[in-house]
Amino acid sequence: MKGPARSATPDGDWAEGLQKARLYEQILLDIILGELEPMSVLDERALAMRYHGGVSGIREALTRLALEGLVVRRPRVGTVVAPLDIREIEQAFEVRHMLEARTAGLAARNATAEQVVGITTAFDGAEAAIEASDFRAMLAMDRRFHRTVANATGNATLARFMISLENIATRFWIWEMEKQTAGAQLADVALHRALADQIAARDPAGAEAAAQKLIGVPPSAYRGRDPAVPGDFGRPYKAGQ
């Protein structure tokens, strides 16, 4: 039998054991990291060879990425990586400022015991990854943390929306991450763990306050700011700093 016994998680996402879920995650990470560059054409057969998967799985992964705005279908061209649209990223920041703290508060109320473990252990090994300048590992930790917090709200619609926003904004954060010092990245991990502690303590107000410290500022606010200032992973600057 192909794939896991369950093809979807309780929140409606693809189960991790599915080939299309693995392919989606690998393509997504390479888009965020810039290894698949903006406006580059994505050939399904070439991607299948690159990621050791089937063309049908690649096609399903690309369809999902298109719905999330990370790839674009172009007539007579095919599928291309979406451009790094600063206006879209600015708008994503605006919406996250509206919803991020509320999401954390709901997670503190509704997270299952398993989700709490996932949130509190998401950055295990972060210090070694930072020392090795392993951006891919850090990005995977960051995505796992925020995805689990979003799913822990118990609201599948909100979770999908927040994860999609995170994916859009992270492309810009990764673009700027090389400017961060190791010390700033370590301080950022500490901010994540502080939020995890509030969720584990079932403290909605504390979680909302901790989440506010993880909300970055949009690209337009970067001018004249010190890139060494710690912030959410790949987010060098924070509102209020």
Protein backbone atom coordinates (compact mmCIF):
# COMPACT_ATOMS: atom_id res chain seq x y z
CA MET A 1 0.00 0.00 0.00
CA LYS A 2 1.41 3.40 -0.98
CA GLY A 3 1.62 6.18 1.59
CA PRO A 4 0.48 6.20 5.22
CA ALA A 5 -2.80 4.79 6.43
CA ARG A 6 -4.12 8.35 6.75
CA SER A 7 -3.60 10.72 3.83
CA ALA A 8 -4.49 13.86 5.79
CA THR A 9 -3.82 15.23 9.25
CA PRO A 10 -6.71 16.25 11.54
CA ASP A 11 -6.33 19.87 10.39
CA GLY A 12 -6.74 18.83 6.75
CA ASP A 13 -3.09 19.11 5.70
CA TRP A 14 -1.29 16.36 3.78
CA ALA A 15 0.12 13.62 6.01
CA GLU A 16 3.91 13.85 6.30
CA GLY A 17 4.42 10.33 4.93
CA LEU A 18 2.90 11.16 1.58
CA GLN A 19 5.32 11.59 -1.31
CA LYS A 20 3.56 14.76 -2.44
CA ALA A 21 3.94 16.21 1.06
CA ARG A 22 7.69 15.51 1.01
CA LEU A 23 8.04 16.99 -2.46
CA TYR A 24 6.02 20.05 -1.51
CA GLU A 25 8.21 20.67 1.54
CA GLN A 26 11.46 20.26 -0.39
CA ILE A 27 10.40 22.55 -3.23
CA LEU A 28 9.03 25.10 -0.75
CA LEU A 29 12.28 25.19 1.23
CA ASP A 30 14.33 25.63 -1.94
CA ILE A 31 12.08 28.51 -3.06
CA ILE A 32 12.41 30.20 0.34
CA LEU A 33 16.17 29.65 0.43
CA GLY A 34 16.52 31.01 -3.11
CA GLU A 35 17.95 27.79 -4.53
CA LEU A 36 15.02 27.88 -6.94
CA GLU A 37 15.38 31.50 -7.98
CA PRO A 38 12.49 33.92 -8.57
CA MET A 39 11.13 33.70 -12.14
CA SER A 40 13.02 30.47 -12.88
CA VAL A 41 11.03 27.97 -14.95
CA LEU A 42 10.16 24.72 -13.14
CA ASP A 43 10.20 21.64 -15.35
CA GLU A 44 8.21 18.83 -13.74
CA ARG A 45 10.45 16.02 -15.00
CA ALA A 46 13.61 17.82 -13.93
CA LEU A 47 12.12 18.40 -10.48
CA ALA A 48 11.13 14.74 -10.24
CA MET A 49 14.75 13.75 -10.85
CA ARG A 50 16.09 16.40 -8.48
CA TYR A 51 13.85 15.37 -5.60
CA HIS A 52 13.62 11.64 -6.37
CA GLY A 53 9.86 11.62 -6.77
CA GLY A 54 7.17 11.00 -9.34
CA VAL A 55 5.92 13.56 -11.83
CA SER A 56 2.38 13.27 -10.46
CA GLY A 57 3.60 14.12 -6.96
CA ILE A 58 5.57 17.07 -8.31
CA ARG A 59 2.49 18.28 -10.16
CA GLU A 60 0.35 18.13 -7.01
CA ALA A 61 3.02 19.92 -4.99
CA LEU A 62 3.26 22.68 -7.61
CA THR A 63 -0.52 23.04 -7.68
CA ARG A 64 -0.51 23.63 -3.94
CA LEU A 65 2.38 26.09 -4.21
CA ALA A 66 0.47 27.94 -6.95
CA LEU A 67 -2.55 28.28 -4.67
CA GLU A 68 -0.24 29.70 -2.00
CA GLY A 69 1.27 32.20 -4.44
CA LEU A 70 4.80 30.80 -4.40
CA VAL A 71 4.77 29.64 -8.02
CA VAL A 72 2.91 31.08 -10.99
CA ARG A 73 1.42 29.34 -14.02
CA ARG A 74 2.39 31.26 -17.18
CA PRO A 75 0.79 30.59 -20.60
CA ARG A 76 3.32 29.23 -23.13
CA VAL A 77 5.99 29.33 -20.41
CA GLY A 78 4.85 26.87 -17.78
CA THR A 79 5.30 27.05 -14.04
CA VAL A 80 7.76 29.63 -12.70
CA VAL A 81 8.88 30.60 -9.22
CA ALA A 82 6.91 33.66 -8.16
CA PRO A 83 8.85 36.93 -8.12
CA LEU A 84 9.88 38.35 -4.75
CA ASP A 85 7.03 40.86 -4.56
CA ILE A 86 7.84 43.43 -1.87
CA ARG A 87 4.28 44.80 -1.93
CA GLU A 88 2.89 41.36 -1.17
CA ILE A 89 5.39 40.91 1.65
CA GLU A 90 4.44 44.30 3.10
CA GLN A 91 0.81 43.23 3.12
CA ALA A 92 1.70 39.91 4.74
CA PHE A 93 3.39 41.81 7.55
CA GLU A 94 0.30 43.95 8.07
CA VAL A 95 -1.95 40.91 8.43
CA ARG A 96 0.49 39.13 10.74
CA HIS A 97 0.46 42.17 13.03
CA MET A 98 -3.31 41.71 13.24
CA LEU A 99 -3.32 37.97 13.86
CA GLU A 100 0.00 36.69 15.25
CA ALA A 101 -0.60 37.44 18.92
CA ARG A 102 -4.17 36.13 18.76
CA THR A 103 -2.88 32.92 17.18
CA ALA A 104 -0.42 32.42 20.03
CA GLY A 105 -3.13 33.04 22.62
CA LEU A 106 -5.40 30.45 21.05
CA ALA A 107 -2.51 27.98 20.94
CA ALA A 108 -1.96 28.45 24.67
CA ARG A 109 -5.61 27.61 25.28
CA ASN A 110 -6.08 24.77 22.81
CA ALA A 111 -2.76 23.00 22.18
CA THR A 112 -2.74 19.27 22.73
CA ALA A 113 -0.03 17.70 24.87
CA GLU A 114 1.63 16.41 21.69
CA GLN A 115 1.58 19.88 20.12
CA VAL A 116 3.10 21.43 23.25
CA VAL A 117 5.98 18.97 22.99
CA GLY A 118 6.41 19.83 19.32
CA ILE A 119 6.46 23.56 20.08
CA THR A 120 8.86 23.35 23.02
CA THR A 121 11.31 21.06 21.19
CA ALA A 122 11.14 22.70 17.75
CA PHE A 123 14.49 24.45 18.20
CA ASP A 124 16.38 21.54 19.74
CA GLY A 125 19.79 21.56 18.11
CA ALA A 126 19.54 25.22 17.10
CA GLU A 127 22.85 26.17 18.69
CA ALA A 128 24.73 23.58 16.64
CA ALA A 129 22.92 24.64 13.46
CA ILE A 130 23.82 28.29 14.05
CA GLU A 131 27.46 27.41 14.71
CA ALA A 132 27.53 25.46 11.44
CA SER A 133 25.69 28.24 9.54
CA ASP A 134 23.14 25.62 8.56
CA PHE A 135 20.37 27.92 7.31
CA ARG A 136 18.33 25.03 5.94
CA ALA A 137 18.19 23.36 9.36
CA MET A 138 17.26 26.64 11.05
CA LEU A 139 14.57 27.31 8.48
CA ALA A 140 13.12 23.83 9.04
CA MET A 141 13.04 24.48 12.81
CA ASP A 142 11.40 27.85 12.32
CA ARG A 143 8.76 26.43 9.99
CA ARG A 144 8.07 23.50 12.32
CA PHE A 145 7.63 25.88 15.27
CA HIS A 146 5.25 28.30 13.56
CA ARG A 147 3.30 25.56 11.79
CA THR A 148 2.73 23.72 15.08
CA VAL A 149 1.69 26.92 16.87
CA ALA A 150 -0.76 27.68 14.07
CA ASN A 151 -2.23 24.17 14.12
CA ALA A 152 -2.45 24.29 17.92
CA THR A 153 -5.09 27.01 17.68
CA GLY A 154 -7.61 24.32 16.84
CA ASN A 155 -8.82 26.46 13.93
CA ALA A 156 -7.78 24.80 10.67
CA THR A 157 -8.75 27.81 8.54
CA LEU A 158 -6.66 30.18 10.65
CA ALA A 159 -3.75 27.72 10.64
CA ARG A 160 -3.67 27.45 6.84
CA PHE A 161 -3.85 31.22 6.51
CA MET A 162 -1.05 31.87 9.02
CA ILE A 163 1.22 29.22 7.50
CA SER A 164 0.69 30.72 4.04
CA LEU A 165 1.56 34.20 5.34
CA GLU A 166 4.65 32.80 7.02
CA ASN A 167 5.82 31.23 3.76
CA ILE A 168 5.44 34.52 1.88
CA ALA A 169 7.28 36.62 4.44
CA THR A 170 10.04 34.08 5.05
CA ARG A 171 11.32 34.54 1.49
CA PHE A 172 12.27 38.09 2.41
CA TRP A 173 13.65 37.16 5.83
CA ILE A 174 15.95 34.56 4.31
CA TRP A 175 17.10 37.14 1.75
CA GLU A 176 18.27 39.33 4.65
CA MET A 177 19.37 36.63 7.10
CA GLU A 178 23.03 36.64 6.08
CA LYS A 179 23.31 40.06 7.72
CA GLN A 180 22.51 38.62 11.15
CA THR A 181 25.27 37.71 13.57
CA ALA A 182 25.31 34.34 15.33
CA GLY A 183 24.55 36.21 18.55
CA ALA A 184 21.43 37.75 17.03
CA GLN A 185 20.26 34.35 15.83
CA LEU A 186 20.80 32.85 19.30
CA ALA A 187 18.81 35.70 20.83
CA ASP A 188 16.06 34.99 18.32
CA VAL A 189 15.94 31.32 19.33
CA ALA A 190 15.55 32.47 22.93
CA LEU A 191 12.52 34.56 21.89
CA HIS A 192 10.94 31.50 20.27
CA ARG A 193 11.55 29.44 23.38
CA ALA A 194 10.03 32.15 25.55
CA LEU A 195 6.84 31.95 23.48
CA ALA A 196 6.95 28.15 23.72
CA ASP A 197 7.19 28.41 27.52
CA GLN A 198 4.08 30.61 27.68
CA ILE A 199 2.11 28.19 25.50
CA ALA A 200 3.27 25.26 27.65
CA ALA A 201 2.19 27.20 30.74
CA ARG A 202 -1.29 27.65 29.21
CA ASP A 203 -0.97 31.42 29.61
CA PRO A 204 -2.82 33.12 26.70
CA ALA A 205 -1.91 36.65 27.79
CA GLY A 206 1.72 35.72 28.23
CA ALA A 207 1.74 33.96 24.87
CA GLU A 208 0.27 37.00 23.12
CA ALA A 209 2.90 39.27 24.68
CA ALA A 210 5.71 36.90 23.71
CA ALA A 211 4.35 36.61 20.15
CA GLN A 212 4.44 40.38 19.72
CA LYS A 213 8.21 40.21 20.10
CA LEU A 214 8.40 37.82 17.15
CA ILE A 215 6.50 39.96 14.68
CA GLY A 216 8.92 41.49 12.23
CA VAL A 217 8.70 44.79 10.44
CA PRO A 218 8.15 45.11 6.68
CA PRO A 219 10.92 45.71 4.13
CA SER A 220 10.13 49.44 4.07
CA ALA A 221 11.27 49.71 7.70
CA TYR A 222 14.72 48.24 7.09
CA ARG A 223 16.45 51.43 6.00
CA GLY A 224 18.78 52.81 8.60
CA ARG A 225 18.30 49.91 11.01
CA ASP A 226 21.05 47.79 12.57
CA PRO A 227 20.99 44.26 11.08
CA ALA A 228 22.69 42.88 14.21
CA VAL A 229 19.54 43.45 16.25
CA PRO A 230 18.01 40.06 17.11
CA GLY A 231 14.59 39.15 15.83
CA ASP A 232 12.50 36.23 14.69
CA PHE A 233 14.65 33.82 12.64
CA GLY A 234 15.66 35.70 9.52
CA ARG A 235 13.84 38.81 10.79
CA PRO A 236 16.59 41.21 11.82
CA TYR A 237 14.37 44.02 13.10
CA LYS A 238 11.43 44.18 15.47
CA ALA A 239 8.61 46.62 15.93
CA GLY A 240 9.22 48.82 18.92
CA GLN A 241 13.01 48.45 18.88
